[in-house]
Amino acid sequence: MRRIVPLAALALAVVATPLVLAQGASAPGAKDKTRVTAGTYAADANHTIVVWEVDHLGFSKYTGIFGSVTGTLVLDPKNPAASKVDVTIPVSKVTTANAGLTDHLLRAGKDGGKPDFFGAAPADAKFVSTSVVVDEDGDEAKVTGKLTLNGVTKPVTLDVDFFGAGVGMNKKETVGFQAETTIKRSDFGISMGIPMVSDEVELEIHAAFEKQ
């Protein structure tokens, strides 16, 4: 045990040192539209997530995350309405705070029947924009598109806020956005537990894109 304590302290110091040195520096991104340049951007899979939330039995809200998002965003600050987004969300990588629930979301149906939720080999979800309507200030937009989930495609509108832009740690121009929407899972053939677990699913998206 005496050896473990010094080693743990050393490891903590190694990890913490870059953080301490960085405290005096400002963040590379800022909510400044003039930093955004035209071009094609790729989703930063390590920093783009889709958070989902449902009402659980009327007692609390339960939350999970889809990560490892991939895809592209085409931007033109001179014509923001022409922006396009096409992203893929790997449903098979869904994460919750409980291993049992995560397994329930992804397990096969009993005796070859239909799964309760996504099943053991769910297809990726996909969102492809069809229109972008930007507000007068240019930092908020309604992005309408087609969401394909569980083999079903439906129109969905995202309320999007510009979060920031700048040059990231890897020296690439980066833009970030936040978005929200609400969908009904029954529209996509996922009706297990309704109404004990709400049909409405609140989605909160945190997305970063790097210029290619």
N, C-alpha and C. Protein backbone atom coordinates (compact mmCIF):
# COMPACT_ATOMS: atom_id res chain seq x y z
N MET A 1 0.82 -1.20 0.00
CA MET A 1 0.00 0.00 0.00
C MET A 1 0.86 1.26 0.00
N ARG A 2 2.04 1.22 0.67
CA ARG A 2 2.89 2.40 0.73
C ARG A 2 3.40 2.80 -0.65
N ARG A 3 3.60 1.81 -1.54
CA ARG A 3 4.07 2.11 -2.88
C ARG A 3 2.97 2.70 -3.75
N ILE A 4 1.74 2.27 -3.49
CA ILE A 4 0.62 2.70 -4.33
C ILE A 4 0.36 4.19 -4.18
N VAL A 5 0.45 4.71 -2.96
CA VAL A 5 0.13 6.12 -2.72
C VAL A 5 1.05 7.05 -3.51
N PRO A 6 2.39 6.90 -3.44
CA PRO A 6 3.25 7.78 -4.25
C PRO A 6 3.00 7.64 -5.74
N LEU A 7 2.77 6.42 -6.22
CA LEU A 7 2.51 6.23 -7.64
C LEU A 7 1.22 6.91 -8.06
N ALA A 8 0.20 6.83 -7.20
CA ALA A 8 -1.08 7.47 -7.51
C ALA A 8 -0.91 8.98 -7.54
N ALA A 9 -0.12 9.50 -6.60
CA ALA A 9 0.11 10.94 -6.55
C ALA A 9 0.86 11.42 -7.79
N LEU A 10 1.84 10.61 -8.22
CA LEU A 10 2.60 10.96 -9.42
C LEU A 10 1.70 10.96 -10.65
N ALA A 11 0.85 9.94 -10.76
CA ALA A 11 -0.05 9.85 -11.90
C ALA A 11 -1.00 11.04 -11.93
N LEU A 12 -1.51 11.42 -10.76
CA LEU A 12 -2.42 12.57 -10.69
C LEU A 12 -1.71 13.84 -11.11
N ALA A 13 -0.45 13.98 -10.70
CA ALA A 13 0.30 15.18 -11.06
C ALA A 13 0.52 15.26 -12.56
N VAL A 14 0.82 14.12 -13.19
CA VAL A 14 1.04 14.09 -14.64
C VAL A 14 -0.22 14.49 -15.38
N VAL A 15 -1.37 13.97 -14.91
CA VAL A 15 -2.63 14.28 -15.56
C VAL A 15 -3.04 15.73 -15.34
N ALA A 16 -2.80 16.22 -14.14
CA ALA A 16 -3.27 17.56 -13.78
C ALA A 16 -2.41 18.67 -14.34
N THR A 17 -1.12 18.42 -14.58
CA THR A 17 -0.21 19.47 -15.02
C THR A 17 -0.68 20.20 -16.26
N PRO A 18 -1.08 19.50 -17.35
CA PRO A 18 -1.55 20.23 -18.52
C PRO A 18 -2.77 21.08 -18.23
N LEU A 19 -3.63 20.60 -17.31
CA LEU A 19 -4.83 21.36 -16.97
C LEU A 19 -4.45 22.65 -16.25
N VAL A 20 -3.48 22.55 -15.35
CA VAL A 20 -3.05 23.73 -14.62
C VAL A 20 -2.43 24.74 -15.57
N LEU A 21 -1.59 24.26 -16.49
CA LEU A 21 -0.94 25.15 -17.44
C LEU A 21 -1.95 25.82 -18.36
N ALA A 22 -3.06 25.10 -18.63
CA ALA A 22 -4.06 25.63 -19.56
C ALA A 22 -5.02 26.61 -18.91
N GLN A 23 -5.00 26.69 -17.58
CA GLN A 23 -5.96 27.54 -16.90
C GLN A 23 -5.85 29.00 -17.29
N GLY A 24 -4.67 29.43 -17.63
CA GLY A 24 -4.48 30.83 -17.98
C GLY A 24 -4.85 31.14 -19.42
N ALA A 25 -5.09 30.11 -20.23
CA ALA A 25 -5.40 30.32 -21.64
C ALA A 25 -6.90 30.41 -21.85
N SER A 26 -7.31 31.13 -22.90
CA SER A 26 -8.73 31.23 -23.22
C SER A 26 -9.12 30.08 -24.13
N ALA A 27 -10.41 29.74 -24.14
CA ALA A 27 -10.90 28.66 -24.99
C ALA A 27 -10.73 29.05 -26.46
N PRO A 28 -10.40 28.11 -27.33
CA PRO A 28 -10.19 28.44 -28.74
C PRO A 28 -11.47 28.78 -29.48
N GLY A 29 -12.61 28.35 -28.96
CA GLY A 29 -13.88 28.64 -29.62
C GLY A 29 -14.62 29.79 -28.95
N ALA A 30 -15.40 30.53 -29.74
CA ALA A 30 -16.20 31.63 -29.20
C ALA A 30 -17.45 31.81 -30.05
N LYS A 31 -18.49 32.35 -29.45
CA LYS A 31 -19.74 32.57 -30.18
C LYS A 31 -19.60 33.82 -31.04
N ASP A 32 -18.86 33.65 -32.12
CA ASP A 32 -18.54 34.74 -33.03
C ASP A 32 -18.75 34.25 -34.45
N LYS A 33 -19.83 34.68 -35.09
CA LYS A 33 -20.18 34.18 -36.44
C LYS A 33 -19.13 34.54 -37.48
N THR A 34 -18.35 35.61 -37.24
CA THR A 34 -17.36 36.01 -38.23
C THR A 34 -16.22 35.00 -38.34
N ARG A 35 -16.13 34.09 -37.39
CA ARG A 35 -15.09 33.07 -37.45
C ARG A 35 -15.46 31.91 -38.37
N VAL A 36 -16.72 31.83 -38.75
CA VAL A 36 -17.17 30.70 -39.57
C VAL A 36 -16.83 30.94 -41.03
N THR A 37 -16.18 29.98 -41.65
CA THR A 37 -15.83 30.09 -43.07
C THR A 37 -16.58 29.02 -43.87
N ALA A 38 -16.77 29.29 -45.15
CA ALA A 38 -17.50 28.36 -46.01
C ALA A 38 -16.70 27.09 -46.24
N GLY A 39 -17.43 25.99 -46.41
CA GLY A 39 -16.77 24.74 -46.72
C GLY A 39 -17.53 23.54 -46.18
N THR A 40 -16.91 22.39 -46.30
CA THR A 40 -17.49 21.14 -45.81
C THR A 40 -16.79 20.75 -44.51
N TYR A 41 -17.59 20.45 -43.52
CA TYR A 41 -17.09 20.08 -42.19
C TYR A 41 -17.50 18.64 -41.88
N ALA A 42 -16.67 17.93 -41.15
CA ALA A 42 -16.98 16.56 -40.73
C ALA A 42 -17.29 16.55 -39.24
N ALA A 43 -18.26 15.74 -38.86
CA ALA A 43 -18.62 15.64 -37.44
C ALA A 43 -17.43 15.13 -36.63
N ASP A 44 -17.17 15.79 -35.52
CA ASP A 44 -16.16 15.32 -34.57
C ASP A 44 -16.82 14.24 -33.72
N ALA A 45 -16.56 12.98 -34.06
CA ALA A 45 -17.25 11.86 -33.42
C ALA A 45 -16.99 11.78 -31.92
N ASN A 46 -15.87 12.34 -31.47
CA ASN A 46 -15.54 12.29 -30.04
C ASN A 46 -16.26 13.36 -29.23
N HIS A 47 -16.81 14.36 -29.92
CA HIS A 47 -17.43 15.47 -29.20
C HIS A 47 -18.80 15.83 -29.76
N THR A 48 -19.46 14.85 -30.35
CA THR A 48 -20.82 15.04 -30.85
C THR A 48 -21.70 13.95 -30.27
N ILE A 49 -22.74 14.34 -29.53
CA ILE A 49 -23.61 13.36 -28.89
C ILE A 49 -25.07 13.75 -29.04
N VAL A 50 -25.92 12.74 -29.00
CA VAL A 50 -27.36 12.94 -28.98
C VAL A 50 -27.87 12.40 -27.65
N VAL A 51 -28.38 13.29 -26.81
CA VAL A 51 -28.89 12.90 -25.50
C VAL A 51 -30.41 12.72 -25.61
N TRP A 52 -30.92 11.57 -25.16
CA TRP A 52 -32.37 11.36 -25.19
C TRP A 52 -32.91 11.25 -23.76
N GLU A 53 -34.15 11.66 -23.61
CA GLU A 53 -34.76 11.70 -22.28
C GLU A 53 -36.22 11.32 -22.37
N VAL A 54 -36.65 10.40 -21.50
CA VAL A 54 -38.05 9.99 -21.44
C VAL A 54 -38.57 10.12 -20.01
N ASP A 55 -39.88 10.24 -19.89
CA ASP A 55 -40.54 10.25 -18.58
C ASP A 55 -40.70 8.80 -18.13
N HIS A 56 -40.13 8.47 -16.97
CA HIS A 56 -40.17 7.11 -16.46
C HIS A 56 -41.18 6.99 -15.32
N LEU A 57 -42.35 6.44 -15.65
CA LEU A 57 -43.40 6.14 -14.67
C LEU A 57 -43.99 7.37 -13.99
N GLY A 58 -43.69 8.55 -14.50
CA GLY A 58 -44.18 9.76 -13.87
C GLY A 58 -43.41 10.16 -12.63
N PHE A 59 -42.32 9.45 -12.33
CA PHE A 59 -41.53 9.74 -11.14
C PHE A 59 -40.26 10.52 -11.46
N SER A 60 -39.69 10.26 -12.62
CA SER A 60 -38.42 10.90 -12.96
C SER A 60 -38.21 10.83 -14.47
N LYS A 61 -37.20 11.52 -14.92
CA LYS A 61 -36.81 11.44 -16.32
C LYS A 61 -35.58 10.57 -16.43
N TYR A 62 -35.60 9.70 -17.43
CA TYR A 62 -34.46 8.81 -17.63
C TYR A 62 -33.73 9.21 -18.91
N THR A 63 -32.41 9.20 -18.83
CA THR A 63 -31.58 9.74 -19.91
C THR A 63 -30.59 8.71 -20.43
N GLY A 64 -30.34 8.76 -21.74
CA GLY A 64 -29.32 7.95 -22.37
C GLY A 64 -28.61 8.76 -23.44
N ILE A 65 -27.60 8.18 -24.03
CA ILE A 65 -26.76 8.91 -24.99
C ILE A 65 -26.45 8.06 -26.21
N PHE A 66 -26.53 8.68 -27.37
CA PHE A 66 -25.98 8.12 -28.60
C PHE A 66 -24.71 8.92 -28.91
N GLY A 67 -23.59 8.23 -29.09
CA GLY A 67 -22.35 8.90 -29.42
C GLY A 67 -21.77 8.39 -30.72
N SER A 68 -20.50 8.70 -30.95
CA SER A 68 -19.77 8.25 -32.16
C SER A 68 -20.50 8.67 -33.43
N VAL A 69 -21.07 9.86 -33.43
CA VAL A 69 -21.81 10.38 -34.59
C VAL A 69 -20.84 10.75 -35.71
N THR A 70 -21.19 10.39 -36.94
CA THR A 70 -20.37 10.74 -38.10
C THR A 70 -21.24 11.48 -39.11
N GLY A 71 -20.60 12.13 -40.07
CA GLY A 71 -21.35 12.81 -41.12
C GLY A 71 -20.72 14.13 -41.51
N THR A 72 -21.46 14.90 -42.30
CA THR A 72 -20.92 16.15 -42.82
C THR A 72 -21.89 17.31 -42.66
N LEU A 73 -21.32 18.49 -42.63
CA LEU A 73 -22.07 19.74 -42.59
C LEU A 73 -21.46 20.66 -43.64
N VAL A 74 -22.30 21.17 -44.53
CA VAL A 74 -21.85 22.11 -45.56
C VAL A 74 -22.35 23.50 -45.17
N LEU A 75 -21.42 24.44 -45.04
CA LEU A 75 -21.75 25.79 -44.59
C LEU A 75 -21.32 26.84 -45.60
N ASP A 76 -22.12 27.90 -45.70
CA ASP A 76 -21.75 29.09 -46.46
C ASP A 76 -22.32 30.29 -45.72
N PRO A 77 -21.47 31.01 -44.96
CA PRO A 77 -21.95 32.14 -44.17
C PRO A 77 -22.70 33.19 -45.00
N LYS A 78 -22.39 33.28 -46.30
CA LYS A 78 -23.07 34.25 -47.15
C LYS A 78 -24.45 33.77 -47.57
N ASN A 79 -24.69 32.49 -47.41
CA ASN A 79 -25.99 31.92 -47.77
C ASN A 79 -26.32 30.79 -46.80
N PRO A 80 -26.57 31.14 -45.52
CA PRO A 80 -26.77 30.10 -44.50
C PRO A 80 -27.96 29.19 -44.76
N ALA A 81 -28.96 29.69 -45.50
CA ALA A 81 -30.13 28.86 -45.80
C ALA A 81 -29.78 27.68 -46.70
N ALA A 82 -28.61 27.76 -47.35
CA ALA A 82 -28.18 26.67 -48.23
C ALA A 82 -27.38 25.61 -47.48
N SER A 83 -27.23 25.78 -46.18
CA SER A 83 -26.48 24.81 -45.39
C SER A 83 -27.14 23.43 -45.45
N LYS A 84 -26.31 22.40 -45.36
CA LYS A 84 -26.82 21.03 -45.40
C LYS A 84 -26.10 20.18 -44.36
N VAL A 85 -26.86 19.30 -43.74
CA VAL A 85 -26.27 18.39 -42.76
C VAL A 85 -26.74 16.97 -43.06
N ASP A 86 -25.82 16.04 -42.94
CA ASP A 86 -26.10 14.62 -43.20
C ASP A 86 -25.28 13.83 -42.19
N VAL A 87 -25.95 13.31 -41.15
CA VAL A 87 -25.22 12.62 -40.09
C VAL A 87 -25.81 11.24 -39.83
N THR A 88 -24.94 10.37 -39.33
CA THR A 88 -25.32 9.00 -39.00
C THR A 88 -25.06 8.75 -37.52
N ILE A 89 -26.05 8.15 -36.85
CA ILE A 89 -25.95 7.88 -35.41
C ILE A 89 -26.00 6.38 -35.18
N PRO A 90 -24.92 5.77 -34.67
CA PRO A 90 -24.91 4.33 -34.45
C PRO A 90 -25.74 3.93 -33.23
N VAL A 91 -26.95 3.47 -33.48
CA VAL A 91 -27.86 3.09 -32.39
C VAL A 91 -27.26 1.97 -31.55
N SER A 92 -26.47 1.11 -32.15
CA SER A 92 -25.88 -0.02 -31.44
C SER A 92 -24.94 0.41 -30.32
N LYS A 93 -24.52 1.69 -30.33
CA LYS A 93 -23.61 2.18 -29.30
C LYS A 93 -24.32 3.00 -28.23
N VAL A 94 -25.64 2.82 -28.11
CA VAL A 94 -26.40 3.55 -27.10
C VAL A 94 -25.84 3.26 -25.70
N THR A 95 -25.84 4.27 -24.87
CA THR A 95 -25.32 4.15 -23.50
C THR A 95 -26.34 4.68 -22.51
N THR A 96 -26.53 3.96 -21.40
CA THR A 96 -27.35 4.46 -20.30
C THR A 96 -26.56 4.30 -19.01
N ALA A 97 -27.15 4.76 -17.91
CA ALA A 97 -26.46 4.66 -16.63
C ALA A 97 -26.58 3.28 -16.01
N ASN A 98 -27.34 2.39 -16.67
CA ASN A 98 -27.59 1.07 -16.11
C ASN A 98 -27.33 0.00 -17.16
N ALA A 99 -26.42 -0.92 -16.87
CA ALA A 99 -26.06 -1.96 -17.84
C ALA A 99 -27.25 -2.82 -18.22
N GLY A 100 -28.14 -3.08 -17.26
CA GLY A 100 -29.31 -3.90 -17.54
C GLY A 100 -30.25 -3.24 -18.53
N LEU A 101 -30.44 -1.93 -18.40
CA LEU A 101 -31.31 -1.22 -19.32
C LEU A 101 -30.67 -1.14 -20.71
N THR A 102 -29.38 -0.89 -20.75
CA THR A 102 -28.70 -0.85 -22.04
C THR A 102 -28.87 -2.19 -22.76
N ASP A 103 -28.72 -3.27 -22.01
CA ASP A 103 -28.91 -4.60 -22.59
C ASP A 103 -30.35 -4.79 -23.07
N HIS A 104 -31.31 -4.27 -22.30
CA HIS A 104 -32.73 -4.39 -22.69
C HIS A 104 -32.99 -3.66 -24.01
N LEU A 105 -32.36 -2.51 -24.19
CA LEU A 105 -32.56 -1.75 -25.42
C LEU A 105 -32.04 -2.51 -26.64
N LEU A 106 -31.01 -3.34 -26.43
CA LEU A 106 -30.32 -3.96 -27.56
C LEU A 106 -30.50 -5.48 -27.65
N ARG A 107 -31.26 -6.06 -26.76
CA ARG A 107 -31.40 -7.52 -26.80
C ARG A 107 -32.42 -7.95 -27.85
N ALA A 108 -32.24 -9.17 -28.31
CA ALA A 108 -33.14 -9.73 -29.32
C ALA A 108 -34.51 -10.01 -28.71
N GLY A 109 -35.52 -10.12 -29.56
CA GLY A 109 -36.86 -10.46 -29.08
C GLY A 109 -36.92 -11.89 -28.58
N LYS A 110 -37.80 -12.14 -27.64
CA LYS A 110 -37.92 -13.48 -27.07
C LYS A 110 -38.48 -14.46 -28.09
N ASP A 111 -37.88 -15.66 -28.14
CA ASP A 111 -38.35 -16.73 -29.02
C ASP A 111 -38.49 -16.27 -30.47
N GLY A 112 -37.56 -15.41 -30.90
CA GLY A 112 -37.59 -14.95 -32.28
C GLY A 112 -38.60 -13.85 -32.55
N GLY A 113 -39.24 -13.34 -31.49
CA GLY A 113 -40.24 -12.29 -31.66
C GLY A 113 -39.60 -10.92 -31.82
N LYS A 114 -40.45 -9.91 -31.96
CA LYS A 114 -39.98 -8.54 -32.15
C LYS A 114 -39.31 -8.04 -30.87
N PRO A 115 -38.15 -7.38 -30.98
CA PRO A 115 -37.49 -6.83 -29.79
C PRO A 115 -38.36 -5.78 -29.11
N ASP A 116 -38.14 -5.60 -27.81
CA ASP A 116 -38.88 -4.57 -27.07
C ASP A 116 -38.51 -3.17 -27.56
N PHE A 117 -37.23 -2.99 -27.88
CA PHE A 117 -36.76 -1.68 -28.32
C PHE A 117 -36.01 -1.80 -29.64
N PHE A 118 -34.69 -1.65 -29.65
CA PHE A 118 -33.95 -1.62 -30.91
C PHE A 118 -33.55 -3.00 -31.43
N GLY A 119 -33.33 -3.94 -30.54
CA GLY A 119 -32.89 -5.26 -30.96
C GLY A 119 -31.38 -5.40 -30.98
N ALA A 120 -30.94 -6.63 -31.26
CA ALA A 120 -29.52 -6.97 -31.12
C ALA A 120 -28.63 -6.38 -32.20
N ALA A 121 -29.16 -6.10 -33.36
CA ALA A 121 -28.34 -5.55 -34.45
C ALA A 121 -29.07 -4.40 -35.12
N PRO A 122 -29.26 -3.31 -34.38
CA PRO A 122 -30.04 -2.19 -34.92
C PRO A 122 -29.31 -1.45 -36.03
N ALA A 123 -30.07 -1.02 -37.02
CA ALA A 123 -29.49 -0.20 -38.08
C ALA A 123 -29.15 1.18 -37.53
N ASP A 124 -28.16 1.82 -38.12
CA ASP A 124 -27.82 3.17 -37.73
C ASP A 124 -28.99 4.11 -37.99
N ALA A 125 -29.15 5.12 -37.15
CA ALA A 125 -30.11 6.18 -37.42
C ALA A 125 -29.44 7.21 -38.32
N LYS A 126 -30.25 7.99 -39.03
CA LYS A 126 -29.68 8.96 -39.97
C LYS A 126 -30.57 10.18 -40.04
N PHE A 127 -29.96 11.35 -40.06
CA PHE A 127 -30.68 12.61 -40.25
C PHE A 127 -30.09 13.35 -41.43
N VAL A 128 -30.96 13.69 -42.38
CA VAL A 128 -30.54 14.44 -43.57
C VAL A 128 -31.43 15.67 -43.69
N SER A 129 -30.83 16.84 -43.68
CA SER A 129 -31.61 18.08 -43.72
C SER A 129 -32.25 18.29 -45.09
N THR A 130 -33.41 18.95 -45.07
CA THR A 130 -34.09 19.31 -46.31
C THR A 130 -34.30 20.82 -46.42
N SER A 131 -34.26 21.53 -45.29
CA SER A 131 -34.36 22.99 -45.33
C SER A 131 -33.76 23.59 -44.06
N VAL A 132 -33.24 24.81 -44.21
CA VAL A 132 -32.66 25.54 -43.08
C VAL A 132 -33.21 26.96 -43.10
N VAL A 133 -33.86 27.36 -42.01
CA VAL A 133 -34.41 28.70 -41.89
C VAL A 133 -33.69 29.40 -40.75
N VAL A 134 -32.91 30.43 -41.07
CA VAL A 134 -32.08 31.12 -40.10
C VAL A 134 -32.76 32.41 -39.65
N ASP A 135 -32.63 32.73 -38.34
CA ASP A 135 -33.24 33.96 -37.83
C ASP A 135 -32.45 35.20 -38.26
N GLU A 136 -32.97 36.37 -37.95
CA GLU A 136 -32.36 37.62 -38.40
C GLU A 136 -30.96 37.82 -37.83
N ASP A 137 -30.73 37.34 -36.61
CA ASP A 137 -29.41 37.50 -36.00
C ASP A 137 -28.39 36.52 -36.56
N GLY A 138 -28.88 35.48 -37.20
CA GLY A 138 -27.97 34.51 -37.82
C GLY A 138 -27.36 33.50 -36.87
N ASP A 139 -27.84 33.45 -35.61
CA ASP A 139 -27.26 32.49 -34.68
C ASP A 139 -28.26 31.43 -34.21
N GLU A 140 -29.47 31.45 -34.75
CA GLU A 140 -30.45 30.42 -34.47
C GLU A 140 -31.11 30.00 -35.78
N ALA A 141 -31.53 28.75 -35.83
CA ALA A 141 -32.14 28.26 -37.07
C ALA A 141 -33.09 27.11 -36.77
N LYS A 142 -34.04 26.94 -37.66
CA LYS A 142 -34.88 25.74 -37.64
C LYS A 142 -34.43 24.88 -38.81
N VAL A 143 -33.93 23.71 -38.48
CA VAL A 143 -33.41 22.79 -39.49
C VAL A 143 -34.37 21.61 -39.61
N THR A 144 -35.04 21.52 -40.74
CA THR A 144 -35.97 20.43 -40.99
C THR A 144 -35.30 19.37 -41.85
N GLY A 145 -35.58 18.13 -41.55
CA GLY A 145 -34.98 17.05 -42.32
C GLY A 145 -35.71 15.75 -42.13
N LYS A 146 -35.15 14.70 -42.69
CA LYS A 146 -35.73 13.37 -42.58
C LYS A 146 -34.89 12.54 -41.61
N LEU A 147 -35.56 12.06 -40.55
CA LEU A 147 -34.90 11.20 -39.57
C LEU A 147 -35.31 9.76 -39.84
N THR A 148 -34.32 8.91 -40.06
CA THR A 148 -34.57 7.49 -40.22
C THR A 148 -34.11 6.78 -38.95
N LEU A 149 -35.04 6.10 -38.30
CA LEU A 149 -34.77 5.42 -37.04
C LEU A 149 -35.57 4.13 -37.00
N ASN A 150 -34.92 3.03 -36.67
CA ASN A 150 -35.61 1.74 -36.58
C ASN A 150 -36.28 1.37 -37.90
N GLY A 151 -35.68 1.80 -39.01
CA GLY A 151 -36.20 1.47 -40.32
C GLY A 151 -37.35 2.32 -40.80
N VAL A 152 -37.68 3.36 -40.04
CA VAL A 152 -38.80 4.25 -40.39
C VAL A 152 -38.26 5.66 -40.60
N THR A 153 -38.74 6.34 -41.64
CA THR A 153 -38.30 7.70 -41.93
C THR A 153 -39.46 8.67 -41.72
N LYS A 154 -39.20 9.72 -40.92
CA LYS A 154 -40.20 10.73 -40.62
C LYS A 154 -39.56 12.12 -40.67
N PRO A 155 -40.36 13.16 -40.98
CA PRO A 155 -39.81 14.52 -40.92
C PRO A 155 -39.64 14.99 -39.48
N VAL A 156 -38.55 15.68 -39.23
CA VAL A 156 -38.24 16.21 -37.89
C VAL A 156 -37.65 17.60 -38.05
N THR A 157 -38.02 18.52 -37.15
CA THR A 157 -37.45 19.87 -37.16
C THR A 157 -36.64 20.10 -35.90
N LEU A 158 -35.41 20.53 -36.08
CA LEU A 158 -34.51 20.83 -34.96
C LEU A 158 -34.45 22.33 -34.72
N ASP A 159 -34.51 22.72 -33.45
CA ASP A 159 -34.25 24.11 -33.07
C ASP A 159 -32.77 24.21 -32.74
N VAL A 160 -32.03 24.91 -33.58
CA VAL A 160 -30.57 24.90 -33.51
C VAL A 160 -30.03 26.25 -33.05
N ASP A 161 -29.07 26.23 -32.14
CA ASP A 161 -28.36 27.42 -31.69
C ASP A 161 -26.88 27.30 -32.06
N PHE A 162 -26.34 28.35 -32.63
CA PHE A 162 -24.90 28.41 -32.88
C PHE A 162 -24.19 28.53 -31.54
N PHE A 163 -23.20 27.66 -31.30
CA PHE A 163 -22.51 27.65 -30.00
C PHE A 163 -21.16 28.33 -30.05
N GLY A 164 -20.40 28.06 -31.11
CA GLY A 164 -19.08 28.68 -31.18
C GLY A 164 -18.29 28.25 -32.39
N ALA A 165 -17.22 28.99 -32.67
CA ALA A 165 -16.34 28.67 -33.80
C ALA A 165 -14.93 29.12 -33.47
N GLY A 166 -13.98 28.50 -34.15
CA GLY A 166 -12.57 28.85 -33.95
C GLY A 166 -11.69 27.74 -34.48
N VAL A 167 -10.43 27.80 -34.14
CA VAL A 167 -9.47 26.77 -34.53
C VAL A 167 -9.24 25.87 -33.33
N GLY A 168 -9.52 24.57 -33.51
CA GLY A 168 -9.43 23.63 -32.41
C GLY A 168 -8.02 23.25 -32.05
N MET A 169 -7.91 22.35 -31.06
CA MET A 169 -6.60 21.93 -30.57
C MET A 169 -5.79 21.19 -31.64
N ASN A 170 -6.49 20.60 -32.62
CA ASN A 170 -5.79 19.89 -33.69
C ASN A 170 -5.56 20.77 -34.91
N LYS A 171 -5.69 22.10 -34.72
CA LYS A 171 -5.40 23.10 -35.75
C LYS A 171 -6.42 23.11 -36.90
N LYS A 172 -7.60 22.54 -36.68
CA LYS A 172 -8.64 22.55 -37.70
C LYS A 172 -9.72 23.57 -37.32
N GLU A 173 -10.25 24.26 -38.33
CA GLU A 173 -11.38 25.15 -38.08
C GLU A 173 -12.55 24.29 -37.59
N THR A 174 -13.16 24.74 -36.50
CA THR A 174 -14.23 23.97 -35.88
C THR A 174 -15.43 24.85 -35.58
N VAL A 175 -16.63 24.31 -35.80
CA VAL A 175 -17.86 25.00 -35.44
C VAL A 175 -18.69 24.08 -34.55
N GLY A 176 -19.45 24.69 -33.65
CA GLY A 176 -20.26 23.91 -32.72
C GLY A 176 -21.68 24.42 -32.64
N PHE A 177 -22.61 23.50 -32.41
CA PHE A 177 -24.02 23.84 -32.33
C PHE A 177 -24.70 23.03 -31.22
N GLN A 178 -25.81 23.58 -30.72
CA GLN A 178 -26.70 22.85 -29.85
C GLN A 178 -28.06 22.80 -30.54
N ALA A 179 -28.79 21.71 -30.35
CA ALA A 179 -30.10 21.58 -30.99
C ALA A 179 -31.03 20.79 -30.08
N GLU A 180 -32.33 21.05 -30.25
CA GLU A 180 -33.34 20.34 -29.48
C GLU A 180 -34.52 19.98 -30.36
N THR A 181 -35.16 18.88 -30.04
CA THR A 181 -36.43 18.53 -30.67
C THR A 181 -37.10 17.46 -29.81
N THR A 182 -38.34 17.18 -30.12
CA THR A 182 -39.07 16.10 -29.45
C THR A 182 -39.71 15.22 -30.52
N ILE A 183 -39.54 13.92 -30.37
CA ILE A 183 -40.15 12.97 -31.29
C ILE A 183 -41.03 12.00 -30.51
N LYS A 184 -41.89 11.30 -31.21
CA LYS A 184 -42.67 10.21 -30.62
C LYS A 184 -42.05 8.90 -31.08
N ARG A 185 -41.63 8.08 -30.13
CA ARG A 185 -40.98 6.83 -30.51
C ARG A 185 -41.94 5.88 -31.20
N SER A 186 -43.24 6.00 -30.89
CA SER A 186 -44.21 5.13 -31.56
C SER A 186 -44.25 5.39 -33.06
N ASP A 187 -43.91 6.62 -33.48
CA ASP A 187 -43.85 6.92 -34.91
C ASP A 187 -42.79 6.09 -35.62
N PHE A 188 -41.83 5.60 -34.83
CA PHE A 188 -40.74 4.83 -35.40
C PHE A 188 -40.82 3.35 -35.01
N GLY A 189 -42.02 2.94 -34.63
CA GLY A 189 -42.24 1.52 -34.34
C GLY A 189 -41.68 1.03 -33.03
N ILE A 190 -41.45 1.95 -32.06
CA ILE A 190 -40.91 1.56 -30.75
C ILE A 190 -41.93 1.96 -29.69
N SER A 191 -42.82 1.06 -29.35
CA SER A 191 -43.94 1.41 -28.49
C SER A 191 -43.95 0.69 -27.14
N MET A 192 -42.89 -0.06 -26.84
CA MET A 192 -42.81 -0.79 -25.59
C MET A 192 -42.98 0.14 -24.37
N GLY A 193 -43.91 -0.21 -23.47
CA GLY A 193 -44.03 0.49 -22.20
C GLY A 193 -44.87 1.75 -22.20
N ILE A 194 -45.39 2.19 -23.35
CA ILE A 194 -46.22 3.39 -23.40
C ILE A 194 -47.55 3.08 -22.71
N PRO A 195 -48.10 3.92 -21.82
CA PRO A 195 -47.62 5.25 -21.43
C PRO A 195 -46.77 5.27 -20.16
N MET A 196 -46.46 4.09 -19.59
CA MET A 196 -45.66 4.06 -18.37
C MET A 196 -44.31 4.74 -18.59
N VAL A 197 -43.75 4.46 -19.77
CA VAL A 197 -42.57 5.20 -20.23
C VAL A 197 -43.04 6.04 -21.40
N SER A 198 -42.81 7.33 -21.34
CA SER A 198 -43.44 8.26 -22.28
C SER A 198 -43.17 7.94 -23.74
N ASP A 199 -44.20 8.21 -24.55
CA ASP A 199 -44.04 8.11 -26.00
C ASP A 199 -43.11 9.22 -26.48
N GLU A 200 -43.25 10.40 -25.89
CA GLU A 200 -42.42 11.54 -26.27
C GLU A 200 -40.98 11.36 -25.79
N VAL A 201 -40.06 11.58 -26.68
CA VAL A 201 -38.63 11.50 -26.38
C VAL A 201 -38.01 12.86 -26.68
N GLU A 202 -37.45 13.48 -25.66
CA GLU A 202 -36.77 14.76 -25.85
C GLU A 202 -35.33 14.49 -26.29
N LEU A 203 -34.93 15.14 -27.36
CA LEU A 203 -33.57 14.99 -27.86
C LEU A 203 -32.80 16.29 -27.71
N GLU A 204 -31.61 16.18 -27.18
CA GLU A 204 -30.72 17.35 -27.05
C GLU A 204 -29.39 16.98 -27.71
N ILE A 205 -29.01 17.77 -28.69
CA ILE A 205 -27.85 17.44 -29.51
C ILE A 205 -26.73 18.46 -29.27
N HIS A 206 -25.54 17.94 -29.03
CA HIS A 206 -24.34 18.77 -28.89
C HIS A 206 -23.38 18.34 -29.97
N ALA A 207 -23.12 19.22 -30.92
CA ALA A 207 -22.38 18.81 -32.12
C ALA A 207 -21.20 19.72 -32.41
N ALA A 208 -20.09 19.11 -32.74
CA ALA A 208 -18.90 19.85 -33.20
C ALA A 208 -18.51 19.30 -34.57
N PHE A 209 -18.13 20.21 -35.47
CA PHE A 209 -17.75 19.82 -36.83
C PHE A 209 -16.40 20.46 -37.17
N GLU A 210 -15.52 19.68 -37.81
CA GLU A 210 -14.19 20.16 -38.17
C GLU A 210 -14.10 20.32 -39.68
N LYS A 211 -13.51 21.44 -40.13
CA LYS A 211 -13.41 21.70 -41.55
C LYS A 211 -12.45 20.74 -42.23
N GLN A 212 -12.87 20.27 -43.41
CA GLN A 212 -12.06 19.30 -44.16
C GLN A 212 -11.19 20.00 -45.20
